[in-house]
Amino acid sequence: MVPYAEATIECRDAQYARPLFDWLAPWADQMSCTGIAADGPVSHFLGGLATILGRYDEADTYFTQAAAFNDRVGAKFFAARTNLSWGRMLAERAVLQATRRRHATFSPRRTPSQRPTDTRTSNDAPPKHSNTWTEHLPSSKVSDDTRRSTPTEHPQRAARDSRERLRPGVR
């Protein structure tokens, strides 16, 4: 059953994850073996299946159980594999939580009284936006010709002027 669980985890198929999770759950504290080779603790695979099902707290519990089992028996390879899967689950959960927070903050369903308010007072000026690309440069570094031809206003003139500055007198 564990090879099927591993394939389901890698394919991220929730349709098969649910029955496999239910079948493997009674053996969570056991090591899966095929007779010749060991597959690792069953709790590792249960953690992966729980991740696919979106049960992150259960997955965390199963990965904790698998890590403890690996430490107890000295299975370094299985410990590394469990840590990798556990880290993937934690990253996936963090992304999901961040997405939920972002959608909760910018939800279009909020009423105006529920939306965040502007913290500026009436005396505060709105932020100033630059209309030319050279305004942020010190005035000593920018010539008046450069200020007159901005790339956003006159791209062809700006390119021609920059060529003229590189090769004076050549047109």
N, C-alpha and C. Protein backbone atom coordinates (compact mmCIF):
# COMPACT_ATOMS: atom_id res chain seq x y z
N MET A 1 0.81 -1.19 0.00
CA MET A 1 0.00 0.00 0.00
C MET A 1 0.86 1.27 0.00
N VAL A 2 2.04 1.21 0.65
CA VAL A 2 2.90 2.38 0.75
C VAL A 2 3.40 2.86 -0.62
N PRO A 3 3.77 1.97 -1.55
CA PRO A 3 4.17 2.49 -2.87
C PRO A 3 3.04 3.26 -3.57
N TYR A 4 1.81 2.84 -3.38
CA TYR A 4 0.68 3.58 -3.93
C TYR A 4 0.57 4.96 -3.27
N ALA A 5 0.78 4.99 -1.97
CA ALA A 5 0.73 6.26 -1.24
C ALA A 5 1.83 7.19 -1.75
N GLU A 6 3.01 6.64 -1.97
CA GLU A 6 4.12 7.46 -2.46
C GLU A 6 3.82 8.03 -3.85
N ALA A 7 3.23 7.21 -4.72
CA ALA A 7 2.86 7.69 -6.06
C ALA A 7 1.77 8.76 -5.97
N THR A 8 0.82 8.56 -5.07
CA THR A 8 -0.25 9.53 -4.89
C THR A 8 0.30 10.85 -4.38
N ILE A 9 1.25 10.79 -3.48
CA ILE A 9 1.87 12.01 -2.93
C ILE A 9 2.62 12.76 -4.03
N GLU A 10 3.39 12.04 -4.82
CA GLU A 10 4.16 12.67 -5.88
C GLU A 10 3.26 13.26 -6.97
N CYS A 11 2.14 12.58 -7.25
CA CYS A 11 1.19 13.09 -8.26
C CYS A 11 0.22 14.10 -7.67
N ARG A 12 0.19 14.22 -6.36
CA ARG A 12 -0.69 15.15 -5.65
C ARG A 12 -2.15 14.92 -6.03
N ASP A 13 -2.57 13.65 -5.98
CA ASP A 13 -3.91 13.26 -6.37
C ASP A 13 -4.78 13.04 -5.14
N ALA A 14 -5.64 14.00 -4.84
CA ALA A 14 -6.48 13.93 -3.64
C ALA A 14 -7.52 12.83 -3.74
N GLN A 15 -7.91 12.45 -4.95
CA GLN A 15 -8.92 11.41 -5.13
C GLN A 15 -8.46 10.08 -4.51
N TYR A 16 -7.19 9.75 -4.68
CA TYR A 16 -6.67 8.50 -4.15
C TYR A 16 -6.06 8.67 -2.76
N ALA A 17 -5.77 9.89 -2.39
CA ALA A 17 -5.15 10.14 -1.08
C ALA A 17 -6.08 9.78 0.06
N ARG A 18 -7.36 10.08 -0.07
CA ARG A 18 -8.31 9.84 1.02
C ARG A 18 -8.43 8.36 1.39
N PRO A 19 -8.69 7.46 0.43
CA PRO A 19 -8.78 6.04 0.83
C PRO A 19 -7.45 5.47 1.31
N LEU A 20 -6.36 5.88 0.70
CA LEU A 20 -5.05 5.40 1.16
C LEU A 20 -4.77 5.86 2.59
N PHE A 21 -5.13 7.11 2.88
CA PHE A 21 -4.95 7.64 4.23
C PHE A 21 -5.73 6.78 5.23
N ASP A 22 -6.99 6.48 4.89
CA ASP A 22 -7.82 5.68 5.79
C ASP A 22 -7.27 4.26 5.97
N TRP A 23 -6.72 3.68 4.91
CA TRP A 23 -6.18 2.32 5.00
C TRP A 23 -4.88 2.27 5.80
N LEU A 24 -4.06 3.29 5.67
CA LEU A 24 -2.74 3.26 6.34
C LEU A 24 -2.77 3.79 7.78
N ALA A 25 -3.78 4.55 8.14
CA ALA A 25 -3.83 5.19 9.47
C ALA A 25 -3.65 4.21 10.63
N PRO A 26 -4.22 3.01 10.61
CA PRO A 26 -4.02 2.10 11.76
C PRO A 26 -2.56 1.66 11.96
N TRP A 27 -1.73 1.80 10.95
CA TRP A 27 -0.34 1.36 11.05
C TRP A 27 0.64 2.54 11.12
N ALA A 28 0.22 3.64 11.65
CA ALA A 28 1.03 4.86 11.69
C ALA A 28 2.33 4.69 12.46
N ASP A 29 2.36 3.81 13.44
CA ASP A 29 3.56 3.64 14.27
C ASP A 29 4.45 2.48 13.79
N GLN A 30 4.22 1.99 12.58
CA GLN A 30 4.97 0.85 12.05
C GLN A 30 5.92 1.29 10.94
N MET A 31 6.91 0.41 10.68
CA MET A 31 7.83 0.60 9.54
C MET A 31 7.31 -0.25 8.39
N SER A 32 7.22 0.33 7.23
CA SER A 32 6.76 -0.40 6.06
C SER A 32 7.94 -1.17 5.45
N CYS A 33 7.74 -2.46 5.24
CA CYS A 33 8.78 -3.31 4.65
C CYS A 33 8.16 -4.19 3.58
N THR A 34 8.91 -4.45 2.54
CA THR A 34 8.45 -5.35 1.47
C THR A 34 8.99 -6.75 1.64
N GLY A 35 9.75 -6.98 2.65
CA GLY A 35 10.37 -8.28 2.85
C GLY A 35 11.86 -8.19 2.59
N ILE A 36 12.24 -7.49 1.55
CA ILE A 36 13.64 -7.31 1.19
C ILE A 36 14.14 -5.94 1.63
N ALA A 37 13.32 -4.93 1.43
CA ALA A 37 13.73 -3.55 1.71
C ALA A 37 12.68 -2.84 2.55
N ALA A 38 13.13 -1.83 3.24
CA ALA A 38 12.22 -1.01 4.05
C ALA A 38 11.83 0.23 3.26
N ASP A 39 10.58 0.63 3.39
CA ASP A 39 10.08 1.83 2.71
C ASP A 39 10.09 3.05 3.60
N GLY A 40 10.21 2.85 4.89
CA GLY A 40 10.20 3.95 5.84
C GLY A 40 9.00 3.86 6.76
N PRO A 41 8.92 4.77 7.70
CA PRO A 41 7.78 4.74 8.63
C PRO A 41 6.48 5.10 7.91
N VAL A 42 5.42 4.40 8.26
CA VAL A 42 4.12 4.65 7.65
C VAL A 42 3.65 6.06 7.97
N SER A 43 4.03 6.58 9.12
CA SER A 43 3.62 7.94 9.50
C SER A 43 4.17 8.99 8.52
N HIS A 44 5.31 8.71 7.90
CA HIS A 44 5.84 9.61 6.87
C HIS A 44 4.86 9.73 5.71
N PHE A 45 4.35 8.61 5.26
CA PHE A 45 3.43 8.61 4.13
C PHE A 45 2.07 9.19 4.53
N LEU A 46 1.66 8.95 5.77
CA LEU A 46 0.42 9.56 6.25
C LEU A 46 0.55 11.08 6.30
N GLY A 47 1.72 11.57 6.67
CA GLY A 47 1.95 13.01 6.65
C GLY A 47 1.85 13.58 5.25
N GLY A 48 2.40 12.87 4.28
CA GLY A 48 2.31 13.31 2.89
C GLY A 48 0.88 13.28 2.37
N LEU A 49 0.14 12.23 2.71
CA LEU A 49 -1.25 12.13 2.27
C LEU A 49 -2.11 13.21 2.94
N ALA A 50 -1.85 13.48 4.22
CA ALA A 50 -2.59 14.54 4.92
C ALA A 50 -2.30 15.90 4.28
N THR A 51 -1.08 16.10 3.81
CA THR A 51 -0.73 17.34 3.13
C THR A 51 -1.54 17.49 1.85
N ILE A 52 -1.66 16.42 1.08
CA ILE A 52 -2.43 16.45 -0.16
C ILE A 52 -3.88 16.77 0.13
N LEU A 53 -4.39 16.27 1.25
CA LEU A 53 -5.78 16.50 1.62
C LEU A 53 -6.00 17.86 2.28
N GLY A 54 -4.92 18.61 2.51
CA GLY A 54 -5.04 19.92 3.12
C GLY A 54 -5.20 19.88 4.64
N ARG A 55 -4.89 18.76 5.24
CA ARG A 55 -4.97 18.62 6.70
C ARG A 55 -3.58 18.86 7.29
N TYR A 56 -3.20 20.11 7.34
CA TYR A 56 -1.82 20.46 7.68
C TYR A 56 -1.48 20.15 9.14
N ASP A 57 -2.42 20.29 10.05
CA ASP A 57 -2.13 19.98 11.45
C ASP A 57 -1.91 18.49 11.64
N GLU A 58 -2.72 17.67 10.97
CA GLU A 58 -2.51 16.22 11.03
C GLU A 58 -1.18 15.85 10.38
N ALA A 59 -0.88 16.48 9.27
CA ALA A 59 0.39 16.19 8.58
C ALA A 59 1.56 16.52 9.48
N ASP A 60 1.47 17.64 10.19
CA ASP A 60 2.54 18.03 11.11
C ASP A 60 2.70 16.98 12.21
N THR A 61 1.59 16.47 12.72
CA THR A 61 1.64 15.43 13.76
C THR A 61 2.29 14.16 13.22
N TYR A 62 1.90 13.74 12.02
CA TYR A 62 2.47 12.52 11.44
C TYR A 62 3.95 12.68 11.11
N PHE A 63 4.34 13.84 10.61
CA PHE A 63 5.76 14.06 10.33
C PHE A 63 6.57 14.10 11.63
N THR A 64 6.01 14.65 12.68
CA THR A 64 6.68 14.63 13.99
C THR A 64 6.87 13.19 14.46
N GLN A 65 5.83 12.39 14.30
CA GLN A 65 5.90 10.98 14.68
C GLN A 65 6.94 10.23 13.84
N ALA A 66 6.98 10.52 12.54
CA ALA A 66 7.95 9.85 11.66
C ALA A 66 9.38 10.26 12.02
N ALA A 67 9.59 11.55 12.32
CA ALA A 67 10.93 12.01 12.70
C ALA A 67 11.39 11.36 13.99
N ALA A 68 10.49 11.24 14.96
CA ALA A 68 10.85 10.58 16.22
C ALA A 68 11.18 9.11 15.99
N PHE A 69 10.41 8.45 15.13
CA PHE A 69 10.66 7.05 14.81
C PHE A 69 12.03 6.90 14.14
N ASN A 70 12.32 7.77 13.18
CA ASN A 70 13.60 7.70 12.48
C ASN A 70 14.77 7.92 13.43
N ASP A 71 14.64 8.85 14.35
CA ASP A 71 15.70 9.08 15.33
C ASP A 71 15.89 7.89 16.25
N ARG A 72 14.76 7.29 16.66
CA ARG A 72 14.81 6.16 17.58
C ARG A 72 15.52 4.96 16.97
N VAL A 73 15.27 4.69 15.68
CA VAL A 73 15.89 3.52 15.04
C VAL A 73 17.17 3.86 14.29
N GLY A 74 17.54 5.15 14.22
CA GLY A 74 18.78 5.55 13.56
C GLY A 74 18.72 5.50 12.04
N ALA A 75 17.54 5.75 11.48
CA ALA A 75 17.36 5.69 10.03
C ALA A 75 17.61 7.08 9.44
N LYS A 76 18.85 7.35 9.09
CA LYS A 76 19.22 8.69 8.61
C LYS A 76 18.61 9.02 7.25
N PHE A 77 18.56 8.04 6.36
CA PHE A 77 17.97 8.29 5.05
C PHE A 77 16.49 8.65 5.18
N PHE A 78 15.77 7.85 5.96
CA PHE A 78 14.35 8.11 6.14
C PHE A 78 14.12 9.41 6.90
N ALA A 79 15.04 9.76 7.79
CA ALA A 79 14.94 11.04 8.50
C ALA A 79 15.09 12.21 7.53
N ALA A 80 16.03 12.10 6.60
CA ALA A 80 16.21 13.17 5.61
C ALA A 80 14.99 13.28 4.71
N ARG A 81 14.46 12.15 4.30
CA ARG A 81 13.27 12.16 3.44
C ARG A 81 12.06 12.74 4.17
N THR A 82 11.92 12.39 5.44
CA THR A 82 10.83 12.95 6.24
C THR A 82 10.99 14.45 6.40
N ASN A 83 12.21 14.91 6.68
CA ASN A 83 12.44 16.35 6.83
C ASN A 83 12.14 17.11 5.54
N LEU A 84 12.48 16.52 4.39
CA LEU A 84 12.20 17.15 3.11
C LEU A 84 10.69 17.27 2.89
N SER A 85 9.96 16.20 3.12
CA SER A 85 8.50 16.23 2.95
C SER A 85 7.85 17.17 3.95
N TRP A 86 8.37 17.17 5.16
CA TRP A 86 7.84 18.03 6.21
C TRP A 86 8.05 19.51 5.83
N GLY A 87 9.24 19.82 5.31
CA GLY A 87 9.52 21.18 4.87
C GLY A 87 8.62 21.61 3.71
N ARG A 88 8.35 20.70 2.79
CA ARG A 88 7.44 21.02 1.68
C ARG A 88 6.04 21.32 2.22
N MET A 89 5.60 20.53 3.20
CA MET A 89 4.29 20.76 3.79
C MET A 89 4.24 22.11 4.48
N LEU A 90 5.28 22.45 5.24
CA LEU A 90 5.31 23.73 5.94
C LEU A 90 5.32 24.90 4.96
N ALA A 91 6.05 24.76 3.87
CA ALA A 91 6.07 25.82 2.86
C ALA A 91 4.71 25.97 2.20
N GLU A 92 4.09 24.85 1.87
CA GLU A 92 2.77 24.89 1.25
C GLU A 92 1.74 25.53 2.19
N ARG A 93 1.81 25.18 3.46
CA ARG A 93 0.89 25.76 4.45
C ARG A 93 1.13 27.26 4.60
N ALA A 94 2.39 27.68 4.60
CA ALA A 94 2.71 29.10 4.72
C ALA A 94 2.19 29.89 3.53
N VAL A 95 2.32 29.35 2.33
CA VAL A 95 1.82 30.03 1.13
C VAL A 95 0.30 30.13 1.19
N LEU A 96 -0.36 29.06 1.61
CA LEU A 96 -1.81 29.07 1.71
C LEU A 96 -2.28 30.09 2.75
N GLN A 97 -1.61 30.15 3.88
CA GLN A 97 -1.99 31.12 4.91
C GLN A 97 -1.76 32.55 4.44
N ALA A 98 -0.65 32.79 3.75
CA ALA A 98 -0.38 34.13 3.22
C ALA A 98 -1.43 34.53 2.18
N THR A 99 -1.83 33.59 1.35
CA THR A 99 -2.86 33.86 0.35
C THR A 99 -4.18 34.19 1.02
N ARG A 100 -4.52 33.43 2.05
CA ARG A 100 -5.77 33.70 2.77
C ARG A 100 -5.74 35.07 3.43
N ARG A 101 -4.59 35.43 4.02
CA ARG A 101 -4.48 36.74 4.65
C ARG A 101 -4.61 37.85 3.61
N ARG A 102 -3.98 37.66 2.47
CA ARG A 102 -4.03 38.67 1.41
C ARG A 102 -5.46 38.84 0.91
N HIS A 103 -6.17 37.74 0.71
CA HIS A 103 -7.55 37.82 0.24
C HIS A 103 -8.47 38.40 1.31
N ALA A 104 -8.19 38.12 2.56
CA ALA A 104 -9.00 38.68 3.64
C ALA A 104 -8.79 40.19 3.74
N THR A 105 -7.58 40.65 3.48
CA THR A 105 -7.29 42.08 3.56
C THR A 105 -7.91 42.84 2.40
N PHE A 106 -7.91 42.28 1.21
CA PHE A 106 -8.38 42.97 0.02
C PHE A 106 -9.68 42.38 -0.51
N SER A 107 -10.52 41.91 0.35
CA SER A 107 -11.76 41.28 -0.07
C SER A 107 -12.72 42.33 -0.63
N PRO A 108 -13.22 42.14 -1.84
CA PRO A 108 -14.16 43.11 -2.41
C PRO A 108 -15.52 43.05 -1.72
N ARG A 109 -15.77 42.03 -0.92
CA ARG A 109 -17.06 41.89 -0.26
C ARG A 109 -17.16 42.75 1.00
N ARG A 110 -16.10 43.38 1.39
CA ARG A 110 -16.14 44.21 2.59
C ARG A 110 -16.95 45.47 2.35
N THR A 111 -17.62 45.89 3.38
CA THR A 111 -18.33 47.16 3.30
C THR A 111 -17.32 48.28 3.52
N PRO A 112 -17.64 49.50 3.11
CA PRO A 112 -16.68 50.60 3.29
C PRO A 112 -16.23 50.78 4.74
N SER A 113 -17.10 50.50 5.69
CA SER A 113 -16.69 50.67 7.09
C SER A 113 -15.71 49.59 7.53
N GLN A 114 -15.65 48.46 6.83
CA GLN A 114 -14.73 47.38 7.17
C GLN A 114 -13.39 47.51 6.48
N ARG A 115 -13.30 48.32 5.44
CA ARG A 115 -12.04 48.46 4.70
C ARG A 115 -11.04 49.28 5.48
N PRO A 116 -9.75 49.01 5.30
CA PRO A 116 -8.73 49.82 5.98
C PRO A 116 -8.86 51.28 5.55
N THR A 117 -8.64 52.17 6.50
CA THR A 117 -8.77 53.59 6.20
C THR A 117 -7.41 54.19 5.88
N ASP A 118 -7.43 55.33 5.21
CA ASP A 118 -6.21 56.07 4.89
C ASP A 118 -5.73 56.75 6.16
N THR A 119 -4.47 56.56 6.51
CA THR A 119 -3.94 57.11 7.75
C THR A 119 -3.47 58.55 7.62
N ARG A 120 -3.49 59.12 6.43
CA ARG A 120 -3.06 60.51 6.26
C ARG A 120 -4.11 61.46 6.82
N THR A 121 -3.66 62.55 7.37
CA THR A 121 -4.59 63.58 7.83
C THR A 121 -4.87 64.53 6.68
N SER A 122 -5.81 65.42 6.87
CA SER A 122 -6.16 66.34 5.79
C SER A 122 -5.04 67.32 5.50
N ASN A 123 -4.12 67.54 6.47
CA ASN A 123 -3.00 68.44 6.25
C ASN A 123 -1.86 67.81 5.46
N ASP A 124 -1.83 66.49 5.41
CA ASP A 124 -0.76 65.80 4.70
C ASP A 124 -0.98 65.91 3.19
N ALA A 125 0.08 66.18 2.51
CA ALA A 125 0.00 66.25 1.05
C ALA A 125 0.05 64.84 0.48
N PRO A 126 -0.60 64.62 -0.62
CA PRO A 126 -0.50 63.29 -1.24
C PRO A 126 0.93 63.06 -1.70
N PRO A 127 1.34 61.80 -1.84
CA PRO A 127 2.71 61.53 -2.26
C PRO A 127 3.00 62.11 -3.62
N LYS A 128 4.19 62.70 -3.78
CA LYS A 128 4.59 63.32 -5.03
C LYS A 128 5.17 62.25 -5.94
N HIS A 129 4.68 62.23 -7.16
CA HIS A 129 5.18 61.28 -8.15
C HIS A 129 6.02 62.04 -9.16
N SER A 130 7.13 61.46 -9.53
CA SER A 130 8.04 62.10 -10.47
C SER A 130 7.47 61.99 -11.88
N ASN A 131 7.53 63.07 -12.63
CA ASN A 131 7.06 63.02 -14.01
C ASN A 131 8.20 62.89 -15.01
N THR A 132 9.45 62.99 -14.56
CA THR A 132 10.58 62.74 -15.45
C THR A 132 11.54 61.79 -14.76
N TRP A 133 12.30 61.13 -15.56
CA TRP A 133 13.20 60.11 -15.01
C TRP A 133 14.44 60.70 -14.36
N THR A 134 14.67 62.00 -14.48
CA THR A 134 15.89 62.60 -13.93
C THR A 134 15.66 63.38 -12.65
N GLU A 135 14.42 63.51 -12.17
CA GLU A 135 14.16 64.33 -11.00
C GLU A 135 14.82 63.80 -9.73
N HIS A 136 15.06 62.51 -9.68
CA HIS A 136 15.67 61.96 -8.47
C HIS A 136 17.19 62.13 -8.45
N LEU A 137 17.79 62.57 -9.57
CA LEU A 137 19.23 62.75 -9.63
C LEU A 137 19.62 64.13 -9.10
N PRO A 138 20.81 64.26 -8.52
CA PRO A 138 21.26 65.59 -8.09
C PRO A 138 21.34 66.52 -9.31
N SER A 139 21.01 67.79 -9.11
CA SER A 139 20.96 68.71 -10.24
C SER A 139 22.32 68.92 -10.89
N SER A 140 23.41 68.76 -10.15
CA SER A 140 24.74 68.96 -10.73
C SER A 140 25.09 67.87 -11.73
N LYS A 141 24.43 66.72 -11.66
CA LYS A 141 24.75 65.60 -12.55
C LYS A 141 23.91 65.60 -13.82
N VAL A 142 22.89 66.45 -13.89
CA VAL A 142 21.98 66.40 -15.01
C VAL A 142 21.98 67.74 -15.73
N SER A 143 22.16 67.70 -17.03
CA SER A 143 22.13 68.94 -17.82
C SER A 143 20.69 69.30 -18.15
N ASP A 144 20.48 70.55 -18.58
CA ASP A 144 19.13 70.97 -18.95
C ASP A 144 18.62 70.22 -20.16
N ASP A 145 19.52 69.85 -21.09
CA ASP A 145 19.10 69.10 -22.27
C ASP A 145 18.54 67.74 -21.88
N THR A 146 19.18 67.12 -20.91
CA THR A 146 18.72 65.81 -20.46
C THR A 146 17.35 65.95 -19.82
N ARG A 147 17.15 66.98 -19.03
CA ARG A 147 15.86 67.19 -18.37
C ARG A 147 14.74 67.42 -19.39
N ARG A 148 15.03 68.08 -20.50
CA ARG A 148 13.99 68.38 -21.48
C ARG A 148 13.54 67.15 -22.26
N SER A 149 14.42 66.21 -22.50
CA SER A 149 14.04 65.04 -23.30
C SER A 149 14.04 63.81 -22.41
N THR A 150 12.89 63.48 -21.94
CA THR A 150 12.76 62.30 -21.10
C THR A 150 12.36 61.11 -21.96
N PRO A 151 12.79 59.92 -21.60
CA PRO A 151 12.46 58.74 -22.40
C PRO A 151 10.96 58.51 -22.50
N THR A 152 10.22 58.85 -21.45
CA THR A 152 8.79 58.60 -21.50
C THR A 152 8.06 59.58 -22.39
N GLU A 153 8.59 60.81 -22.53
CA GLU A 153 7.92 61.82 -23.35
C GLU A 153 8.36 61.75 -24.81
N HIS A 154 9.65 61.64 -25.06
CA HIS A 154 10.18 61.64 -26.41
C HIS A 154 11.29 60.59 -26.53
N PRO A 155 10.94 59.34 -26.71
CA PRO A 155 11.97 58.30 -26.73
C PRO A 155 12.98 58.45 -27.87
N GLN A 156 12.51 58.85 -29.06
CA GLN A 156 13.44 58.98 -30.17
C GLN A 156 14.41 60.14 -29.93
N ARG A 157 13.90 61.26 -29.43
CA ARG A 157 14.77 62.40 -29.18
C ARG A 157 15.78 62.07 -28.07
N ALA A 158 15.35 61.36 -27.07
CA ALA A 158 16.26 60.99 -25.99
C ALA A 158 17.38 60.11 -26.51
N ALA A 159 17.05 59.17 -27.39
CA ALA A 159 18.08 58.30 -27.96
C ALA A 159 19.05 59.10 -28.83
N ARG A 160 18.51 60.00 -29.66
CA ARG A 160 19.36 60.84 -30.52
C ARG A 160 20.26 61.74 -29.68
N ASP A 161 19.70 62.36 -28.63
CA ASP A 161 20.49 63.24 -27.78
C ASP A 161 21.60 62.47 -27.07
N SER A 162 21.31 61.28 -26.64
CA SER A 162 22.36 60.52 -25.96
C SER A 162 23.47 60.13 -26.93
N ARG A 163 23.11 59.84 -28.20
CA ARG A 163 24.15 59.55 -29.20
C ARG A 163 24.99 60.78 -29.47
N GLU A 164 24.34 61.97 -29.52
CA GLU A 164 25.07 63.21 -29.78
C GLU A 164 26.03 63.53 -28.62
N ARG A 165 25.64 63.24 -27.43
CA ARG A 165 26.53 63.49 -26.30
C ARG A 165 27.75 62.59 -26.35
N LEU A 166 27.57 61.37 -26.87
CA LEU A 166 28.69 60.44 -26.97
C LEU A 166 29.63 60.83 -28.12
N ARG A 167 29.07 61.34 -29.23
CA ARG A 167 29.85 61.70 -30.40
C ARG A 167 29.49 63.12 -30.82
N PRO A 168 30.04 64.12 -30.18
CA PRO A 168 29.67 65.50 -30.51
C PRO A 168 29.99 65.83 -31.97
N GLY A 169 29.10 66.56 -32.60
CA GLY A 169 29.30 67.04 -33.97
C GLY A 169 28.98 66.04 -35.04
N VAL A 170 28.64 64.79 -34.72
CA VAL A 170 28.32 63.78 -35.74
C VAL A 170 26.83 63.59 -35.74
N ARG A 171 26.22 63.63 -36.94
CA ARG A 171 24.77 63.42 -37.02
C ARG A 171 24.47 62.27 -37.90
